[in-house]
All heavy atoms as atom14 arrays in JSON, in Angstrom:
{
  "sequence": "RTLDHVATPDPKWNGEHPDPGTSKAPWKVYNI",
  "atom14_mask": [
    [1, 1, 1, 1, 1, 1, 1, 1, 1, 1, 1, 0, 0, 0],
    [1, 1, 1, 1, 1, 1, 1, 0, 0, 0, 0, 0, 0, 0],
    [1, 1, 1, 1, 1, 1, 1, 1, 0, 0, 0, 0, 0, 0],
    [1, 1, 1, 1, 1, 1, 1, 1, 0, 0, 0, 0, 0, 0],
    [1, 1, 1, 1, 1, 1, 1, 1, 1, 1, 0, 0, 0, 0],
    [1, 1, 1, 1, 1, 1, 1, 0, 0, 0, 0, 0, 0, 0],
    [1, 1, 1, 1, 1, 0, 0, 0, 0, 0, 0, 0, 0, 0],
    [1, 1, 1, 1, 1, 1, 1, 0, 0, 0, 0, 0, 0, 0],
    [1, 1, 1, 1, 1, 1, 1, 0, 0, 0, 0, 0, 0, 0],
    [1, 1, 1, 1, 1, 1, 1, 1, 0, 0, 0, 0, 0, 0],
    [1, 1, 1, 1, 1, 1, 1, 0, 0, 0, 0, 0, 0, 0],
    [1, 1, 1, 1, 1, 1, 1, 1, 1, 0, 0, 0, 0, 0],
    [1, 1, 1, 1, 1, 1, 1, 1, 1, 1, 1, 1, 1, 1],
    [1, 1, 1, 1, 1, 1, 1, 1, 0, 0, 0, 0, 0, 0],
    [1, 1, 1, 1, 0, 0, 0, 0, 0, 0, 0, 0, 0, 0],
    [1, 1, 1, 1, 1, 1, 1, 1, 1, 0, 0, 0, 0, 0],
    [1, 1, 1, 1, 1, 1, 1, 1, 1, 1, 0, 0, 0, 0],
    [1, 1, 1, 1, 1, 1, 1, 0, 0, 0, 0, 0, 0, 0],
    [1, 1, 1, 1, 1, 1, 1, 1, 0, 0, 0, 0, 0, 0],
    [1, 1, 1, 1, 1, 1, 1, 0, 0, 0, 0, 0, 0, 0],
    [1, 1, 1, 1, 0, 0, 0, 0, 0, 0, 0, 0, 0, 0],
    [1, 1, 1, 1, 1, 1, 1, 0, 0, 0, 0, 0, 0, 0],
    [1, 1, 1, 1, 1, 1, 0, 0, 0, 0, 0, 0, 0, 0],
    [1, 1, 1, 1, 1, 1, 1, 1, 1, 0, 0, 0, 0, 0],
    [1, 1, 1, 1, 1, 0, 0, 0, 0, 0, 0, 0, 0, 0],
    [1, 1, 1, 1, 1, 1, 1, 0, 0, 0, 0, 0, 0, 0],
    [1, 1, 1, 1, 1, 1, 1, 1, 1, 1, 1, 1, 1, 1],
    [1, 1, 1, 1, 1, 1, 1, 1, 1, 0, 0, 0, 0, 0],
    [1, 1, 1, 1, 1, 1, 1, 0, 0, 0, 0, 0, 0, 0],
    [1, 1, 1, 1, 1, 1, 1, 1, 1, 1, 1, 1, 0, 0],
    [1, 1, 1, 1, 1, 1, 1, 1, 0, 0, 0, 0, 0, 0],
    [1, 1, 1, 1, 1, 1, 1, 1, 0, 0, 0, 0, 0, 0]
  ],
  "atom14_positions": [
    [[-51.08, -5.96, 123.67], [-51.16, -4.52, 123.54], [-49.72, -3.87, 123.68], [-49.57, -2.77, 123.09], [-51.96, -3.96, 124.65], [-53.41, -4.36, 124.67], [-54.26, -3.37, 123.8], [-55.7, -3.71, 123.88], [-56.54, -2.93, 124.46], [-56.23, -1.76, 124.93], [-57.86, -3.33, 124.47], [0.0, 0.0, 0.0], [0.0, 0.0, 0.0], [0.0, 0.0, 0.0]],
    [[-48.82, -4.51, 124.34], [-47.51, -3.93, 124.45], [-46.55, -4.26, 123.35], [-45.48, -3.64, 123.18], [-46.9, -4.26, 125.83], [-46.7, -5.66, 125.88], [-47.69, -3.74, 126.99], [0.0, 0.0, 0.0], [0.0, 0.0, 0.0], [0.0, 0.0, 0.0], [0.0, 0.0, 0.0], [0.0, 0.0, 0.0], [0.0, 0.0, 0.0], [0.0, 0.0, 0.0]],
    [[-46.9, -5.26, 122.52], [-46.0, -5.73, 121.53], [-45.48, -4.65, 120.54], [-44.26, -4.63, 120.22], [-46.65, -6.81, 120.69], [-46.7, -8.19, 121.27], [-47.54, -9.14, 120.37], [-45.33, -8.78, 121.45], [0.0, 0.0, 0.0], [0.0, 0.0, 0.0], [0.0, 0.0, 0.0], [0.0, 0.0, 0.0], [0.0, 0.0, 0.0], [0.0, 0.0, 0.0]],
    [[-46.37, -3.85, 120.1], [-46.05, -2.77, 119.12], [-45.71, -1.46, 119.77], [-45.56, -0.43, 119.08], [-47.23, -2.63, 118.11], [-47.37, -3.84, 117.26], [-46.26, -4.5, 116.98], [-48.52, -4.14, 116.78], [0.0, 0.0, 0.0], [0.0, 0.0, 0.0], [0.0, 0.0, 0.0], [0.0, 0.0, 0.0], [0.0, 0.0, 0.0], [0.0, 0.0, 0.0]],
    [[-45.63, -1.44, 121.13], [-45.31, -0.15, 121.79], [-43.81, -0.25, 122.18], [-43.46, -0.78, 123.34], [-46.16, -0.04, 123.03], [-46.04, 1.34, 123.66], [-46.72, 2.39, 123.17], [-45.28, 1.78, 124.69], [-46.36, 3.49, 123.91], [-45.57, 3.06, 124.81], [0.0, 0.0, 0.0], [0.0, 0.0, 0.0], [0.0, 0.0, 0.0], [0.0, 0.0, 0.0]],
    [[-42.96, 0.15, 121.34], [-41.54, 0.09, 121.53], [-41.03, 1.05, 122.6], [-41.41, 2.22, 122.55], [-40.78, 0.3, 120.17], [-39.26, 0.27, 120.35], [-41.13, -0.7, 119.11], [0.0, 0.0, 0.0], [0.0, 0.0, 0.0], [0.0, 0.0, 0.0], [0.0, 0.0, 0.0], [0.0, 0.0, 0.0], [0.0, 0.0, 0.0], [0.0, 0.0, 0.0]],
    [[-40.26, 0.6, 123.48], [-39.77, 1.48, 124.59], [-38.86, 2.63, 123.94], [-38.15, 2.41, 123.08], [-38.87, 0.72, 125.59], [0.0, 0.0, 0.0], [0.0, 0.0, 0.0], [0.0, 0.0, 0.0], [0.0, 0.0, 0.0], [0.0, 0.0, 0.0], [0.0, 0.0, 0.0], [0.0, 0.0, 0.0], [0.0, 0.0, 0.0], [0.0, 0.0, 0.0]],
    [[-39.03, 3.75, 124.62], [-38.28, 4.94, 124.15], [-37.66, 5.59, 125.46], [-38.24, 5.39, 126.52], [-39.18, 5.96, 123.46], [-40.27, 6.39, 124.35], [-39.72, 5.46, 122.15], [0.0, 0.0, 0.0], [0.0, 0.0, 0.0], [0.0, 0.0, 0.0], [0.0, 0.0, 0.0], [0.0, 0.0, 0.0], [0.0, 0.0, 0.0], [0.0, 0.0, 0.0]],
    [[-36.62, 6.39, 125.35], [-36.15, 7.01, 126.49], [-37.14, 8.01, 127.12], [-37.95, 8.5, 126.33], [-34.93, 7.82, 125.94], [-34.63, 7.14, 124.59], [-35.87, 6.65, 124.1], [0.0, 0.0, 0.0], [0.0, 0.0, 0.0], [0.0, 0.0, 0.0], [0.0, 0.0, 0.0], [0.0, 0.0, 0.0], [0.0, 0.0, 0.0], [0.0, 0.0, 0.0]],
    [[-37.09, 8.13, 128.37], [-37.99, 9.09, 129.05], [-37.32, 10.38, 129.17], [-36.32, 10.51, 129.93], [-38.46, 8.54, 130.37], [-39.39, 9.52, 131.15], [-39.75, 10.6, 130.66], [-39.75, 9.08, 132.24], [0.0, 0.0, 0.0], [0.0, 0.0, 0.0], [0.0, 0.0, 0.0], [0.0, 0.0, 0.0], [0.0, 0.0, 0.0], [0.0, 0.0, 0.0]],
    [[-37.73, 11.39, 128.42], [-37.01, 12.7, 128.41], [-37.12, 13.47, 129.79], [-36.28, 14.29, 130.12], [-37.64, 13.53, 127.37], [-38.97, 12.92, 127.16], [-38.86, 11.42, 127.53], [0.0, 0.0, 0.0], [0.0, 0.0, 0.0], [0.0, 0.0, 0.0], [0.0, 0.0, 0.0], [0.0, 0.0, 0.0], [0.0, 0.0, 0.0], [0.0, 0.0, 0.0]],
    [[-38.05, 13.02, 130.62], [-38.26, 13.61, 131.92], [-37.54, 12.94, 133.05], [-37.5, 13.36, 134.2], [-39.77, 13.74, 132.3], [-40.62, 14.55, 131.3], [-42.02, 14.53, 131.67], [-42.66, 13.24, 131.21], [-44.03, 13.05, 131.27], [0.0, 0.0, 0.0], [0.0, 0.0, 0.0], [0.0, 0.0, 0.0], [0.0, 0.0, 0.0], [0.0, 0.0, 0.0]],
    [[-36.94, 11.79, 132.67], [-36.15, 11.02, 133.74], [-35.05, 11.89, 134.31], [-34.35, 12.57, 133.67], [-35.57, 9.73, 133.11], [-35.18, 8.77, 134.14], [-35.94, 7.8, 134.67], [-33.89, 8.68, 134.76], [-35.2, 7.08, 135.63], [-33.95, 7.61, 135.72], [-32.69, 9.39, 134.7], [-32.9, 7.25, 136.54], [-31.6, 8.95, 135.54], [-31.79, 7.93, 136.39]],
    [[-35.03, 11.74, 135.65], [-34.15, 12.59, 136.43], [-33.45, 11.73, 137.48], [-34.13, 11.05, 138.26], [-34.85, 13.8, 137.04], [-34.1, 14.65, 137.91], [-33.09, 14.24, 138.54], [-34.49, 15.87, 137.96], [0.0, 0.0, 0.0], [0.0, 0.0, 0.0], [0.0, 0.0, 0.0], [0.0, 0.0, 0.0], [0.0, 0.0, 0.0], [0.0, 0.0, 0.0]],
    [[-32.16, 11.68, 137.55], [-31.37, 10.92, 138.53], [-31.61, 11.37, 139.98], [-31.4, 10.61, 140.92], [0.0, 0.0, 0.0], [0.0, 0.0, 0.0], [0.0, 0.0, 0.0], [0.0, 0.0, 0.0], [0.0, 0.0, 0.0], [0.0, 0.0, 0.0], [0.0, 0.0, 0.0], [0.0, 0.0, 0.0], [0.0, 0.0, 0.0], [0.0, 0.0, 0.0]],
    [[-31.96, 12.68, 140.14], [-32.32, 13.1, 141.45], [-33.59, 12.55, 142.03], [-33.72, 12.31, 143.24], [-32.5, 14.68, 141.45], [-31.25, 15.4, 140.92], [-30.27, 15.63, 142.05], [-30.64, 15.8, 143.18], [-29.03, 15.55, 141.78], [0.0, 0.0, 0.0], [0.0, 0.0, 0.0], [0.0, 0.0, 0.0], [0.0, 0.0, 0.0], [0.0, 0.0, 0.0]],
    [[-34.57, 12.22, 141.15], [-35.88, 11.67, 141.52], [-36.14, 10.65, 140.51], [-37.09, 10.7, 139.66], [-36.94, 12.76, 141.55], [-36.63, 13.93, 142.44], [-36.68, 13.83, 143.82], [-36.17, 15.12, 142.13], [-36.36, 15.01, 144.35], [-36.07, 15.82, 143.31], [0.0, 0.0, 0.0], [0.0, 0.0, 0.0], [0.0, 0.0, 0.0], [0.0, 0.0, 0.0]],
    [[-35.4, 9.49, 140.57], [-35.64, 8.48, 139.49], [-36.92, 7.71, 139.59], [-37.41, 7.52, 140.66], [-34.43, 7.48, 139.74], [-34.09, 7.64, 141.22], [-34.41, 9.1, 141.53], [0.0, 0.0, 0.0], [0.0, 0.0, 0.0], [0.0, 0.0, 0.0], [0.0, 0.0, 0.0], [0.0, 0.0, 0.0], [0.0, 0.0, 0.0], [0.0, 0.0, 0.0]],
    [[-37.5, 7.42, 138.39], [-38.66, 6.56, 138.34], [-38.09, 5.16, 137.89], [-37.55, 5.03, 136.75], [-39.54, 7.12, 137.23], [-40.74, 6.22, 136.87], [-40.87, 5.1, 137.5], [-41.53, 6.57, 135.96], [0.0, 0.0, 0.0], [0.0, 0.0, 0.0], [0.0, 0.0, 0.0], [0.0, 0.0, 0.0], [0.0, 0.0, 0.0], [0.0, 0.0, 0.0]],
    [[-38.25, 4.17, 138.78], [-37.7, 2.86, 138.43], [-38.33, 2.15, 137.25], [-37.83, 1.2, 136.75], [-37.84, 2.09, 139.73], [-39.0, 2.75, 140.4], [-38.88, 4.19, 140.08], [0.0, 0.0, 0.0], [0.0, 0.0, 0.0], [0.0, 0.0, 0.0], [0.0, 0.0, 0.0], [0.0, 0.0, 0.0], [0.0, 0.0, 0.0], [0.0, 0.0, 0.0]],
    [[-39.44, 2.69, 136.77], [-40.13, 2.05, 135.61], [-39.77, 2.66, 134.28], [-40.16, 2.15, 133.23], [0.0, 0.0, 0.0], [0.0, 0.0, 0.0], [0.0, 0.0, 0.0], [0.0, 0.0, 0.0], [0.0, 0.0, 0.0], [0.0, 0.0, 0.0], [0.0, 0.0, 0.0], [0.0, 0.0, 0.0], [0.0, 0.0, 0.0], [0.0, 0.0, 0.0]],
    [[-38.91, 3.71, 134.27], [-38.47, 4.32, 133.01], [-36.97, 4.61, 133.23], [-36.4, 4.38, 134.22], [-39.26, 5.6, 132.69], [-38.93, 6.6, 133.74], [-40.72, 5.45, 132.62], [0.0, 0.0, 0.0], [0.0, 0.0, 0.0], [0.0, 0.0, 0.0], [0.0, 0.0, 0.0], [0.0, 0.0, 0.0], [0.0, 0.0, 0.0], [0.0, 0.0, 0.0]],
    [[-36.43, 5.25, 132.12], [-34.98, 5.48, 132.16], [-34.7, 6.5, 131.0], [-35.54, 6.8, 130.1], [-34.26, 4.24, 131.87], [-32.92, 4.37, 131.69], [0.0, 0.0, 0.0], [0.0, 0.0, 0.0], [0.0, 0.0, 0.0], [0.0, 0.0, 0.0], [0.0, 0.0, 0.0], [0.0, 0.0, 0.0], [0.0, 0.0, 0.0], [0.0, 0.0, 0.0]],
    [[-33.39, 7.0, 131.04], [-32.89, 7.73, 129.9], [-32.6, 6.81, 128.73], [-32.58, 7.25, 127.6], [-31.61, 8.43, 130.25], [-31.62, 9.57, 131.13], [-30.23, 10.17, 131.26], [-30.18, 11.29, 132.23], [-28.81, 11.84, 132.42], [0.0, 0.0, 0.0], [0.0, 0.0, 0.0], [0.0, 0.0, 0.0], [0.0, 0.0, 0.0], [0.0, 0.0, 0.0]],
    [[-32.46, 5.53, 129.0], [-32.31, 4.51, 127.96], [-33.72, 4.11, 127.44], [-34.65, 4.37, 128.05], [-31.63, 3.31, 128.51], [0.0, 0.0, 0.0], [0.0, 0.0, 0.0], [0.0, 0.0, 0.0], [0.0, 0.0, 0.0], [0.0, 0.0, 0.0], [0.0, 0.0, 0.0], [0.0, 0.0, 0.0], [0.0, 0.0, 0.0], [0.0, 0.0, 0.0]],
    [[-33.77, 3.48, 126.2], [-35.13, 3.06, 125.7], [-35.55, 1.77, 126.37], [-35.43, 0.69, 125.81], [-34.74, 2.82, 124.15], [-33.32, 2.52, 124.1], [-32.63, 3.26, 125.26], [0.0, 0.0, 0.0], [0.0, 0.0, 0.0], [0.0, 0.0, 0.0], [0.0, 0.0, 0.0], [0.0, 0.0, 0.0], [0.0, 0.0, 0.0], [0.0, 0.0, 0.0]],
    [[-36.07, 1.93, 127.57], [-36.36, 0.8, 128.44], [-37.66, 1.14, 129.2], [-37.83, 2.26, 129.63], [-35.15, 0.66, 129.45], [-35.33, -0.47, 130.38], [-35.1, -1.77, 130.19], [-35.73, -0.25, 131.78], [-35.31, -2.45, 131.4], [-35.67, -1.54, 132.38], [-36.05, 0.8, 132.55], [-36.0, -1.71, 133.76], [-36.43, 0.64, 133.84], [-36.38, -0.64, 134.52]],
    [[-38.5, 0.09, 129.41], [-39.72, 0.35, 130.14], [-40.13, -0.98, 130.77], [-39.84, -2.07, 130.28], [-40.8, 0.69, 129.04], [-42.16, 1.08, 129.71], [-42.11, 2.37, 130.46], [-43.5, 2.76, 130.97], [-43.45, 4.0, 131.64], [0.0, 0.0, 0.0], [0.0, 0.0, 0.0], [0.0, 0.0, 0.0], [0.0, 0.0, 0.0], [0.0, 0.0, 0.0]],
    [[-40.85, -0.91, 131.92], [-41.4, -2.01, 132.56], [-42.91, -1.68, 132.76], [-43.28, -0.67, 133.17], [-40.78, -2.22, 134.0], [-41.47, -3.36, 134.71], [-39.32, -2.51, 133.82], [0.0, 0.0, 0.0], [0.0, 0.0, 0.0], [0.0, 0.0, 0.0], [0.0, 0.0, 0.0], [0.0, 0.0, 0.0], [0.0, 0.0, 0.0], [0.0, 0.0, 0.0]],
    [[-43.77, -2.77, 132.42], [-45.16, -2.7, 132.65], [-45.6, -3.73, 133.61], [-45.21, -4.9, 133.45], [-45.92, -2.85, 131.31], [-45.8, -1.77, 130.34], [-45.1, -1.87, 129.17], [-46.44, -0.48, 130.56], [-44.88, -0.88, 128.29], [-46.21, 0.58, 129.66], [-45.48, 0.39, 128.55], [-45.37, 1.42, 127.67], [0.0, 0.0, 0.0], [0.0, 0.0, 0.0]],
    [[-46.4, -3.39, 134.53], [-47.09, -4.34, 135.39], [-48.45, -4.8, 134.69], [-49.17, -3.91, 134.28], [-47.52, -3.72, 136.77], [-46.27, -3.36, 137.59], [-45.23, -4.06, 137.52], [-46.38, -2.35, 138.42], [0.0, 0.0, 0.0], [0.0, 0.0, 0.0], [0.0, 0.0, 0.0], [0.0, 0.0, 0.0], [0.0, 0.0, 0.0], [0.0, 0.0, 0.0]],
    [[-48.56, -6.04, 134.61], [-49.83, -6.51, 134.08], [-50.51, -7.38, 135.26], [-50.13, -8.49, 135.53], [-49.71, -7.42, 132.81], [-48.95, -6.64, 131.77], [-51.1, -7.9, 132.26], [-48.69, -7.35, 130.5], [0.0, 0.0, 0.0], [0.0, 0.0, 0.0], [0.0, 0.0, 0.0], [0.0, 0.0, 0.0], [0.0, 0.0, 0.0], [0.0, 0.0, 0.0]]
  ]
}
C-alpha cells in the first residue's frame, strides 16, 4: 500500500512543535 505513496514535504511541519513522523523534506515514516 505504501509503494506508490511517494513522500512529500509536510507544509504544516513546524520546528516549534515538530512531528517526528514528517518533515519539511519529502520524508515520511509509517508504523506497520
